[in-house]
């Protein structure tokens, strides 16, 4: 699996993980996906948000997002999802590890 950090809504891989996001949780439990867009476009602070996708054969199989709050030196894992594939648990683990390396 390869990983890509999404840094812009113009990234060619931006929309595909949002489809995965929409399928994973009951709509009443999720934040509107516009929060992802706002987090990527935030220009008031730097390096406070990461959005990564796991790719297999250029297809999104996992995603993770996290926020960093500099004033309290705290990081928050917001979402961690993987497609329902036979290697689901491995995809989740690898994505989590990659997120922690960012």
PDB file of N, CA and C in Angstrom:
ATOM      1  N   UNK A   1       0.850  -1.172   0.000  1.00  0.00           N
ATOM      2  CA  UNK A   1       0.000   0.000   0.000  1.00  0.00           C
ATOM      3  C   UNK A   1       0.892   1.230   0.000  1.00  0.00           C
ATOM      4  N   UNK A   2       0.487   2.199  -0.771  1.00  0.00           N
ATOM      5  CA  UNK A   2       1.158   3.499  -0.793  1.00  0.00           C
ATOM      6  C   UNK A   2       0.268   4.494  -0.067  1.00  0.00           C
ATOM      7  N   UNK A   3       0.889   5.559   0.424  1.00  0.00           N
ATOM      8  CA  UNK A   3       0.134   6.600   1.103  1.00  0.00           C
ATOM      9  C   UNK A   3       0.348   7.932   0.418  1.00  0.00           C
ATOM     10  N   UNK A   4      -0.683   8.733   0.471  1.00  0.00           N
ATOM     11  CA  UNK A   4      -0.609  10.077  -0.087  1.00  0.00           C
ATOM     12  C   UNK A   4      -1.248  11.033   0.907  1.00  0.00           C
ATOM     13  N   UNK A   5      -0.583  12.150   1.121  1.00  0.00           N
ATOM     14  CA  UNK A   5      -1.151  13.203   1.949  1.00  0.00           C
ATOM     15  C   UNK A   5      -1.932  14.144   1.049  1.00  0.00           C
ATOM     16  N   UNK A   6      -3.195  14.313   1.355  1.00  0.00           N
ATOM     17  CA  UNK A   6      -4.043  15.233   0.598  1.00  0.00           C
ATOM     18  C   UNK A   6      -3.844  16.619   1.202  1.00  0.00           C
ATOM     19  N   UNK A   7      -3.410  17.557   0.377  1.00  0.00           N
ATOM     20  CA  UNK A   7      -3.135  18.901   0.871  1.00  0.00           C
ATOM     21  C   UNK A   7      -4.059  19.960   0.283  1.00  0.00           C
ATOM     22  N   UNK A   8      -4.912  19.538  -0.641  1.00  0.00           N
ATOM     23  CA  UNK A   8      -5.777  20.505  -1.319  1.00  0.00           C
ATOM     24  C   UNK A   8      -7.032  19.803  -1.822  1.00  0.00           C
ATOM     25  N   UNK A   9      -8.117  20.542  -1.884  1.00  0.00           N
ATOM     26  CA  UNK A   9      -9.342  19.986  -2.461  1.00  0.00           C
ATOM     27  C   UNK A   9      -9.194  19.785  -3.967  1.00  0.00           C
ATOM     28  N   UNK A  10      -8.148  20.321  -4.543  1.00  0.00           N
ATOM     29  CA  UNK A  10      -7.884  20.152  -5.974  1.00  0.00           C
ATOM     30  C   UNK A  10      -7.092  18.883  -6.266  1.00  0.00           C
ATOM     31  N   UNK A  11      -6.645  18.195  -5.227  1.00  0.00           N
ATOM     32  CA  UNK A  11      -5.893  16.954  -5.403  1.00  0.00           C
ATOM     33  C   UNK A  11      -6.776  15.931  -6.121  1.00  0.00           C
ATOM     34  N   UNK A  12      -6.236  15.207  -7.095  1.00  0.00           N
ATOM     35  CA  UNK A  12      -7.055  14.232  -7.824  1.00  0.00           C
ATOM     36  C   UNK A  12      -7.616  13.114  -6.938  1.00  0.00           C
ATOM     37  N   UNK A  13      -7.010  12.884  -5.778  1.00  0.00           N
ATOM     38  CA  UNK A  13      -7.509  11.848  -4.868  1.00  0.00           C
ATOM     39  C   UNK A  13      -8.425  12.408  -3.777  1.00  0.00           C
ATOM     40  N   UNK A  14      -8.803  13.654  -3.849  1.00  0.00           N
ATOM     41  CA  UNK A  14      -9.619  14.269  -2.795  1.00  0.00           C
ATOM     42  C   UNK A  14     -11.026  13.665  -2.702  1.00  0.00           C
ATOM     43  N   UNK A  15     -11.709  13.502  -3.798  1.00  0.00           N
ATOM     44  CA  UNK A  15     -13.113  13.078  -3.770  1.00  0.00           C
ATOM     45  C   UNK A  15     -13.320  11.603  -3.446  1.00  0.00           C
ATOM     46  N   UNK A  16     -12.415  10.749  -3.888  1.00  0.00           N
ATOM     47  CA  UNK A  16     -12.609   9.312  -3.673  1.00  0.00           C
ATOM     48  C   UNK A  16     -12.661   8.935  -2.187  1.00  0.00           C
ATOM     49  N   UNK A  17     -11.772   9.449  -1.335  1.00  0.00           N
ATOM     50  CA  UNK A  17     -11.898   9.092   0.082  1.00  0.00           C
ATOM     51  C   UNK A  17     -13.168   9.652   0.732  1.00  0.00           C
ATOM     52  N   UNK A  18     -13.705  10.735   0.194  1.00  0.00           N
ATOM     53  CA  UNK A  18     -14.953  11.266   0.741  1.00  0.00           C
ATOM     54  C   UNK A  18     -16.114  10.304   0.499  1.00  0.00           C
ATOM     55  N   UNK A  19     -16.053   9.560  -0.592  1.00  0.00           N
ATOM     56  CA  UNK A  19     -17.074   8.532  -0.836  1.00  0.00           C
ATOM     57  C   UNK A  19     -16.968   7.427   0.214  1.00  0.00           C
ATOM     58  N   UNK A  20     -15.736   7.036   0.539  1.00  0.00           N
ATOM     59  CA  UNK A  20     -15.523   6.046   1.594  1.00  0.00           C
ATOM     60  C   UNK A  20     -16.028   6.590   2.927  1.00  0.00           C
ATOM     61  N   UNK A  21     -15.719   7.826   3.210  1.00  0.00           N
ATOM     62  CA  UNK A  21     -16.179   8.508   4.424  1.00  0.00           C
ATOM     63  C   UNK A  21     -17.698   8.435   4.538  1.00  0.00           C
ATOM     64  N   UNK A  22     -18.386   8.716   3.438  1.00  0.00           N
ATOM     65  CA  UNK A  22     -19.853   8.722   3.437  1.00  0.00           C
ATOM     66  C   UNK A  22     -20.449   7.337   3.697  1.00  0.00           C
ATOM     67  N   UNK A  23     -19.731   6.285   3.335  1.00  0.00           N
ATOM     68  CA  UNK A  23     -20.277   4.932   3.490  1.00  0.00           C
ATOM     69  C   UNK A  23     -20.005   4.323   4.859  1.00  0.00           C
ATOM     70  N   UNK A  24     -19.109   4.899   5.634  1.00  0.00           N
ATOM     71  CA  UNK A  24     -18.655   4.235   6.849  1.00  0.00           C
ATOM     72  C   UNK A  24     -19.486   4.482   8.093  1.00  0.00           C
ATOM     73  N   UNK A  25     -20.052   5.631   8.258  1.00  0.00           N
ATOM     74  CA  UNK A  25     -20.811   5.926   9.470  1.00  0.00           C
ATOM     75  C   UNK A  25     -22.228   6.349   9.135  1.00  0.00           C
ATOM     76  N   UNK A  26     -23.100   6.114  10.069  1.00  0.00           N
ATOM     77  CA  UNK A  26     -24.456   6.615   9.964  1.00  0.00           C
ATOM     78  C   UNK A  26     -24.379   8.130   9.854  1.00  0.00           C
ATOM     79  N   UNK A  27     -25.111   8.717   8.953  1.00  0.00           N
ATOM     80  CA  UNK A  27     -25.030  10.162   8.727  1.00  0.00           C
ATOM     81  C   UNK A  27     -25.257  10.983   9.987  1.00  0.00           C
ATOM     82  N   UNK A  28     -26.033  10.486  10.916  1.00  0.00           N
ATOM     83  CA  UNK A  28     -26.268  11.251  12.141  1.00  0.00           C
ATOM     84  C   UNK A  28     -25.043  11.259  13.054  1.00  0.00           C
ATOM     85  N   UNK A  29     -24.069  10.391  12.794  1.00  0.00           N
ATOM     86  CA  UNK A  29     -22.876  10.317  13.633  1.00  0.00           C
ATOM     87  C   UNK A  29     -21.689  11.083  13.071  1.00  0.00           C
ATOM     88  N   UNK A  30     -21.739  11.463  11.824  1.00  0.00           N
ATOM     89  CA  UNK A  30     -20.578  12.083  11.196  1.00  0.00           C
ATOM     90  C   UNK A  30     -20.711  13.589  11.131  1.00  0.00           C
ATOM     91  N   UNK A  31     -19.559  14.212  11.057  1.00  0.00           N
ATOM     92  CA  UNK A  31     -19.549  15.629  10.724  1.00  0.00           C
ATOM     93  C   UNK A  31     -19.771  15.723   9.224  1.00  0.00           C
ATOM     94  N   UNK A  32     -20.374  16.770   8.801  1.00  0.00           N
ATOM     95  CA  UNK A  32     -20.515  17.003   7.379  1.00  0.00           C
ATOM     96  C   UNK A  32     -19.113  17.019   6.773  1.00  0.00           C
ATOM     97  N   UNK A  33     -18.965  16.402   5.615  1.00  0.00           N
ATOM     98  CA  UNK A  33     -17.630  16.331   5.016  1.00  0.00           C
ATOM     99  C   UNK A  33     -17.066  17.703   4.655  1.00  0.00           C
ATOM    100  N   UNK A  34     -17.883  18.739   4.761  1.00  0.00           N
ATOM    101  CA  UNK A  34     -17.351  20.092   4.538  1.00  0.00           C
ATOM    102  C   UNK A  34     -16.285  20.452   5.573  1.00  0.00           C
ATOM    103  N   UNK A  35     -16.327  19.794   6.738  1.00  0.00           N
ATOM    104  CA  UNK A  35     -15.307  20.058   7.756  1.00  0.00           C
ATOM    105  C   UNK A  35     -13.923  19.668   7.236  1.00  0.00           C
ATOM    106  N   UNK A  36     -13.852  18.635   6.426  1.00  0.00           N
ATOM    107  CA  UNK A  36     -12.575  18.223   5.836  1.00  0.00           C
ATOM    108  C   UNK A  36     -12.086  19.312   4.892  1.00  0.00           C
ATOM    109  N   UNK A  37     -12.989  19.815   4.076  1.00  0.00           N
ATOM    110  CA  UNK A  37     -12.628  20.894   3.145  1.00  0.00           C
ATOM    111  C   UNK A  37     -12.154  22.125   3.910  1.00  0.00           C
ATOM    112  N   UNK A  38     -12.896  22.522   4.939  1.00  0.00           N
ATOM    113  CA  UNK A  38     -12.502  23.698   5.727  1.00  0.00           C
ATOM    114  C   UNK A  38     -11.149  23.490   6.402  1.00  0.00           C
ATOM    115  N   UNK A  39     -10.906  22.302   6.886  1.00  0.00           N
ATOM    116  CA  UNK A  39      -9.631  22.019   7.548  1.00  0.00           C
ATOM    117  C   UNK A  39      -8.470  22.115   6.565  1.00  0.00           C
ATOM    118  N   UNK A  40      -8.672  21.615   5.349  1.00  0.00           N
ATOM    119  CA  UNK A  40      -7.621  21.706   4.334  1.00  0.00           C
ATOM    120  C   UNK A  40      -7.378  23.143   3.893  1.00  0.00           C
ATOM    121  N   UNK A  41      -8.424  23.933   3.861  1.00  0.00           N
ATOM    122  CA  UNK A  41      -8.302  25.305   3.363  1.00  0.00           C
ATOM    123  C   UNK A  41      -7.959  26.321   4.449  1.00  0.00           C
ATOM    124  N   UNK A  42      -7.863  25.890   5.684  1.00  0.00           N
ATOM    125  CA  UNK A  42      -7.539  26.795   6.787  1.00  0.00           C
ATOM    126  C   UNK A  42      -6.177  27.441   6.540  1.00  0.00           C
ATOM    127  N   UNK A  43      -6.130  28.752   6.499  1.00  0.00           N
ATOM    128  CA  UNK A  43      -4.858  29.448   6.285  1.00  0.00           C
ATOM    129  C   UNK A  43      -4.457  30.272   7.510  1.00  0.00           C
ATOM    130  N   UNK A  44      -5.147  30.071   8.608  1.00  0.00           N
ATOM    131  CA  UNK A  44      -4.828  30.824   9.822  1.00  0.00           C
ATOM    132  C   UNK A  44      -3.695  30.185  10.619  1.00  0.00           C
ATOM    133  N   UNK A  45      -3.542  28.880  10.490  1.00  0.00           N
ATOM    134  CA  UNK A  45      -2.461  28.165  11.165  1.00  0.00           C
ATOM    135  C   UNK A  45      -1.806  27.220  10.171  1.00  0.00           C
ATOM    136  N   UNK A  46      -0.639  26.730  10.539  1.00  0.00           N
ATOM    137  CA  UNK A  46       0.082  25.816   9.652  1.00  0.00           C
ATOM    138  C   UNK A  46       0.298  24.479  10.349  1.00  0.00           C
ATOM    139  N   UNK A  47       0.347  23.435   9.558  1.00  0.00           N
ATOM    140  CA  UNK A  47       0.672  22.096  10.043  1.00  0.00           C
ATOM    141  C   UNK A  47      -0.221  21.639  11.187  1.00  0.00           C
ATOM    142  N   UNK A  48      -1.500  21.981  11.114  1.00  0.00           N
ATOM    143  CA  UNK A  48      -2.403  21.583  12.192  1.00  0.00           C
ATOM    144  C   UNK A  48      -3.441  20.549  11.752  1.00  0.00           C
ATOM    145  N   UNK A  49      -3.337  20.070  10.519  1.00  0.00           N
ATOM    146  CA  UNK A  49      -4.305  19.111  10.011  1.00  0.00           C
ATOM    147  C   UNK A  49      -3.612  18.199   9.018  1.00  0.00           C
ATOM    148  N   UNK A  50      -3.914  16.920   9.100  1.00  0.00           N
ATOM    149  CA  UNK A  50      -3.378  15.976   8.131  1.00  0.00           C
ATOM    150  C   UNK A  50      -4.524  15.088   7.643  1.00  0.00           C
ATOM    151  N   UNK A  51      -4.507  14.832   6.343  1.00  0.00           N
ATOM    152  CA  UNK A  51      -5.511  13.999   5.688  1.00  0.00           C
ATOM    153  C   UNK A  51      -4.733  13.069   4.775  1.00  0.00           C
ATOM    154  N   UNK A  52      -4.654  11.794   5.155  1.00  0.00           N
ATOM    155  CA  UNK A  52      -3.905  10.847   4.335  1.00  0.00           C
ATOM    156  C   UNK A  52      -4.844   9.776   3.795  1.00  0.00           C
ATOM    157  N   UNK A  53      -4.467   9.244   2.650  1.00  0.00           N
ATOM    158  CA  UNK A  53      -5.206   8.136   2.054  1.00  0.00           C
ATOM    159  C   UNK A  53      -4.234   7.009   1.759  1.00  0.00           C
ATOM    160  N   UNK A  54      -4.722   5.796   1.947  1.00  0.00           N
ATOM    161  CA  UNK A  54      -3.976   4.612   1.552  1.00  0.00           C
ATOM    162  C   UNK A  54      -4.450   4.185   0.182  1.00  0.00           C
ATOM    163  N   UNK A  55      -3.503   3.888  -0.686  1.00  0.00           N
ATOM    164  CA  UNK A  55      -3.825   3.538  -2.070  1.00  0.00           C
ATOM    165  C   UNK A  55      -3.277   2.158  -2.414  1.00  0.00           C
ATOM    166  N   UNK A  56      -4.095   1.369  -3.083  1.00  0.00           N
ATOM    167  CA  UNK A  56      -3.651   0.113  -3.684  1.00  0.00           C
ATOM    168  C   UNK A  56      -4.056   0.171  -5.144  1.00  0.00           C
ATOM    169  N   UNK A  57      -3.072   0.065  -6.022  1.00  0.00           N
ATOM    170  CA  UNK A  57      -3.319   0.186  -7.464  1.00  0.00           C
ATOM    171  C   UNK A  57      -4.049   1.483  -7.791  1.00  0.00           C
ATOM    172  N   UNK A  58      -3.644   2.553  -7.125  1.00  0.00           N
ATOM    173  CA  UNK A  58      -4.179   3.901  -7.322  1.00  0.00           C
ATOM    174  C   UNK A  58      -5.663   4.024  -6.946  1.00  0.00           C
ATOM    175  N   UNK A  59      -6.156   3.101  -6.133  1.00  0.00           N
ATOM    176  CA  UNK A  59      -7.530   3.142  -5.632  1.00  0.00           C
ATOM    177  C   UNK A  59      -7.467   3.361  -4.123  1.00  0.00           C
ATOM    178  N   UNK A  60      -8.277   4.269  -3.611  1.00  0.00           N
ATOM    179  CA  UNK A  60      -8.289   4.560  -2.178  1.00  0.00           C
ATOM    180  C   UNK A  60      -8.871   3.370  -1.418  1.00  0.00           C
ATOM    181  N   UNK A  61      -8.102   2.860  -0.443  1.00  0.00           N
ATOM    182  CA  UNK A  61      -8.568   1.751   0.391  1.00  0.00           C
ATOM    183  C   UNK A  61      -8.657   2.139   1.865  1.00  0.00           C
ATOM    184  N   UNK A  62      -8.076   3.292   2.225  1.00  0.00           N
ATOM    185  CA  UNK A  62      -8.162   3.742   3.615  1.00  0.00           C
ATOM    186  C   UNK A  62      -7.988   5.250   3.667  1.00  0.00           C
ATOM    187  N   UNK A  63      -8.390   5.816   4.805  1.00  0.00           N
ATOM    188  CA  UNK A  63      -8.171   7.243   5.025  1.00  0.00           C
ATOM    189  C   UNK A  63      -8.046   7.496   6.512  1.00  0.00           C
ATOM    190  N   UNK A  64      -7.349   8.566   6.827  1.00  0.00           N
ATOM    191  CA  UNK A  64      -7.239   9.018   8.212  1.00  0.00           C
ATOM    192  C   UNK A  64      -7.112  10.531   8.214  1.00  0.00           C
ATOM    193  N   UNK A  65      -7.720  11.145   9.211  1.00  0.00           N
ATOM    194  CA  UNK A  65      -7.569  12.583   9.409  1.00  0.00           C
ATOM    195  C   UNK A  65      -7.215  12.827  10.868  1.00  0.00           C
ATOM    196  N   UNK A  66      -6.463  13.882  11.099  1.00  0.00           N
ATOM    197  CA  UNK A  66      -6.101  14.245  12.472  1.00  0.00           C
ATOM    198  C   UNK A  66      -5.872  15.742  12.548  1.00  0.00           C
ATOM    199  N   UNK A  67      -6.141  16.274  13.717  1.00  0.00           N
ATOM    200  CA  UNK A  67      -5.903  17.695  14.000  1.00  0.00           C
ATOM    201  C   UNK A  67      -4.828  17.815  15.072  1.00  0.00           C
ATOM    202  N   UNK A  68      -4.074  18.887  15.006  1.00  0.00           N
ATOM    203  CA  UNK A  68      -3.071  19.199  16.020  1.00  0.00           C
ATOM    204  C   UNK A  68      -3.416  20.547  16.628  1.00  0.00           C
ATOM    205  N   UNK A  69      -3.474  20.598  17.928  1.00  0.00           N
ATOM    206  CA  UNK A  69      -3.785  21.829  18.657  1.00  0.00           C
ATOM    207  C   UNK A  69      -2.495  22.292  19.327  1.00  0.00           C
ATOM    208  N   UNK A  70      -1.851  23.288  18.731  1.00  0.00           N
ATOM    209  CA  UNK A  70      -0.521  23.713  19.171  1.00  0.00           C
ATOM    210  C   UNK A  70      -0.506  24.325  20.566  1.00  0.00           C
ATOM    211  N   UNK A  71      -1.542  25.034  20.939  1.00  0.00           N
ATOM    212  CA  UNK A  71      -1.504  25.714  22.240  1.00  0.00           C
ATOM    213  C   UNK A  71      -1.480  24.734  23.405  1.00  0.00           C
ATOM    214  N   UNK A  72      -2.024  23.545  23.205  1.00  0.00           N
ATOM    215  CA  UNK A  72      -1.980  22.527  24.259  1.00  0.00           C
ATOM    216  C   UNK A  72      -1.084  21.356  23.890  1.00  0.00           C
ATOM    217  N   UNK A  73      -0.424  21.449  22.732  1.00  0.00           N
ATOM    218  CA  UNK A  73       0.443  20.384  22.239  1.00  0.00           C
ATOM    219  C   UNK A  73      -0.301  19.043  22.232  1.00  0.00           C
ATOM    220  N   UNK A  74      -1.498  19.056  21.661  1.00  0.00           N
ATOM    221  CA  UNK A  74      -2.348  17.870  21.629  1.00  0.00           C
ATOM    222  C   UNK A  74      -2.711  17.516  20.195  1.00  0.00           C
ATOM    223  N   UNK A  75      -2.748  16.236  19.926  1.00  0.00           N
ATOM    224  CA  UNK A  75      -3.182  15.762  18.615  1.00  0.00           C
ATOM    225  C   UNK A  75      -4.444  14.934  18.800  1.00  0.00           C
ATOM    226  N   UNK A  76      -5.333  15.026  17.827  1.00  0.00           N
ATOM    227  CA  UNK A  76      -6.599  14.318  17.895  1.00  0.00           C
ATOM    228  C   UNK A  76      -6.806  13.525  16.616  1.00  0.00           C
ATOM    229  N   UNK A  77      -6.925  12.213  16.747  1.00  0.00           N
ATOM    230  CA  UNK A  77      -7.289  11.378  15.614  1.00  0.00           C
ATOM    231  C   UNK A  77      -8.785  11.544  15.414  1.00  0.00           C
ATOM    232  N   UNK A  78      -9.165  12.041  14.282  1.00  0.00           N
ATOM    233  CA  UNK A  78     -10.572  12.317  14.041  1.00  0.00           C
ATOM    234  C   UNK A  78     -11.253  11.142  13.336  1.00  0.00           C
ATOM    235  N   UNK A  79     -10.663  10.665  12.251  1.00  0.00           N
ATOM    236  CA  UNK A  79     -11.247   9.549  11.522  1.00  0.00           C
ATOM    237  C   UNK A  79     -10.164   8.591  11.070  1.00  0.00           C
ATOM    238  N   UNK A  80     -10.502   7.309  11.086  1.00  0.00           N
ATOM    239  CA  UNK A  80      -9.647   6.247  10.575  1.00  0.00           C
ATOM    240  C   UNK A  80     -10.584   5.198   9.988  1.00  0.00           C
ATOM    241  N   UNK A  81     -10.554   5.050   8.667  1.00  0.00           N
ATOM    242  CA  UNK A  81     -11.441   4.127   7.968  1.00  0.00           C
ATOM    243  C   UNK A  81     -10.643   3.293   6.976  1.00  0.00           C
ATOM    244  N   UNK A  82     -11.153   2.097   6.701  1.00  0.00           N
ATOM    245  CA  UNK A  82     -10.613   1.269   5.625  1.00  0.00           C
ATOM    246  C   UNK A  82     -11.781   0.556   4.956  1.00  0.00           C
ATOM    247  N   UNK A  83     -11.587   0.254   3.692  1.00  0.00           N
ATOM    248  CA  UNK A  83     -12.618  -0.486   2.965  1.00  0.00           C
ATOM    249  C   UNK A  83     -12.767  -1.874   3.581  1.00  0.00           C
ATOM    250  N   UNK A  84     -13.943  -2.441   3.423  1.00  0.00           N
ATOM    251  CA  UNK A  84     -14.211  -3.786   3.928  1.00  0.00           C
ATOM    252  C   UNK A  84     -13.626  -4.812   2.960  1.00  0.00           C
ATOM    253  N   UNK A  85     -12.341  -5.051   3.125  1.00  0.00           N
ATOM    254  CA  UNK A  85     -11.605  -6.010   2.313  1.00  0.00           C
ATOM    255  C   UNK A  85     -11.061  -7.096   3.235  1.00  0.00           C
ATOM    256  N   UNK A  86     -10.609  -8.228   2.684  1.00  0.00           N
ATOM    257  CA  UNK A  86     -10.061  -9.282   3.541  1.00  0.00           C
ATOM    258  C   UNK A  86      -8.907  -8.807   4.436  1.00  0.00           C
ATOM    259  N   UNK A  87      -8.154  -7.820   3.984  1.00  0.00           N
ATOM    260  CA  UNK A  87      -7.028  -7.305   4.771  1.00  0.00           C
ATOM    261  C   UNK A  87      -7.389  -6.019   5.519  1.00  0.00           C
ATOM    262  N   UNK A  88      -8.659  -5.854   5.870  1.00  0.00           N
ATOM    263  CA  UNK A  88      -9.157  -4.643   6.530  1.00  0.00           C
ATOM    264  C   UNK A  88      -8.317  -4.253   7.742  1.00  0.00           C
ATOM    265  N   UNK A  89      -8.066  -5.203   8.640  1.00  0.00           N
ATOM    266  CA  UNK A  89      -7.340  -4.876   9.869  1.00  0.00           C
ATOM    267  C   UNK A  89      -5.918  -4.409   9.574  1.00  0.00           C
ATOM    268  N   UNK A  90      -5.285  -5.034   8.601  1.00  0.00           N
ATOM    269  CA  UNK A  90      -3.935  -4.617   8.204  1.00  0.00           C
ATOM    270  C   UNK A  90      -3.959  -3.211   7.607  1.00  0.00           C
ATOM    271  N   UNK A  91      -4.958  -2.918   6.787  1.00  0.00           N
ATOM    272  CA  UNK A  91      -5.090  -1.575   6.213  1.00  0.00           C
ATOM    273  C   UNK A  91      -5.246  -0.535   7.320  1.00  0.00           C
ATOM    274  N   UNK A  92      -6.075  -0.840   8.305  1.00  0.00           N
ATOM    275  CA  UNK A  92      -6.285   0.083   9.427  1.00  0.00           C
ATOM    276  C   UNK A  92      -4.977   0.315  10.184  1.00  0.00           C
ATOM    277  N   UNK A  93      -4.269  -0.766  10.475  1.00  0.00           N
ATOM    278  CA  UNK A  93      -3.016  -0.658  11.230  1.00  0.00           C
ATOM    279  C   UNK A  93      -1.985   0.153  10.468  1.00  0.00           C
ATOM    280  N   UNK A  94      -1.797  -0.158   9.192  1.00  0.00           N
ATOM    281  CA  UNK A  94      -0.807   0.563   8.392  1.00  0.00           C
ATOM    282  C   UNK A  94      -1.164   2.041   8.267  1.00  0.00           C
ATOM    283  N   UNK A  95      -2.434   2.338   8.114  1.00  0.00           N
ATOM    284  CA  UNK A  95      -2.865   3.733   7.984  1.00  0.00           C
ATOM    285  C   UNK A  95      -2.637   4.486   9.285  1.00  0.00           C
ATOM    286  N   UNK A  96      -2.937   3.853  10.396  1.00  0.00           N
ATOM    287  CA  UNK A  96      -2.714   4.477  11.703  1.00  0.00           C
ATOM    288  C   UNK A  96      -1.230   4.755  11.929  1.00  0.00           C
ATOM    289  N   UNK A  97      -0.389   3.790  11.586  1.00  0.00           N
ATOM    290  CA  UNK A  97       1.063   3.971  11.737  1.00  0.00           C
ATOM    291  C   UNK A  97       1.541   5.122  10.861  1.00  0.00           C
ATOM    292  N   UNK A  98       1.079   5.165   9.626  1.00  0.00           N
ATOM    293  CA  UNK A  98       1.485   6.240   8.716  1.00  0.00           C
ATOM    294  C   UNK A  98       1.033   7.599   9.242  1.00  0.00           C
ATOM    295  N   UNK A  99      -0.161   7.671   9.770  1.00  0.00           N
ATOM    296  CA  UNK A  99      -0.662   8.925  10.324  1.00  0.00           C
ATOM    297  C   UNK A  99       0.246   9.410  11.450  1.00  0.00           C
ATOM    298  N   UNK A 100       0.699   8.506  12.278  1.00  0.00           N
ATOM    299  CA  UNK A 100       1.566   8.877  13.397  1.00  0.00           C
ATOM    300  C   UNK A 100       2.962   9.287  12.956  1.00  0.00           C
ATOM    301  N   UNK A 101       3.329   8.953  11.730  1.00  0.00           N
ATOM    302  CA  UNK A 101       4.638   9.352  11.205  1.00  0.00           C
ATOM    303  C   UNK A 101       4.594  10.765  10.638  1.00  0.00           C
ATOM    304  N   UNK A 102       3.413  11.300  10.386  1.00  0.00           N
ATOM    305  CA  UNK A 102       3.278  12.650   9.814  1.00  0.00           C
ATOM    306  C   UNK A 102       3.424  13.705  10.868  1.00  0.00           C
TER     307      UNK A 102
END
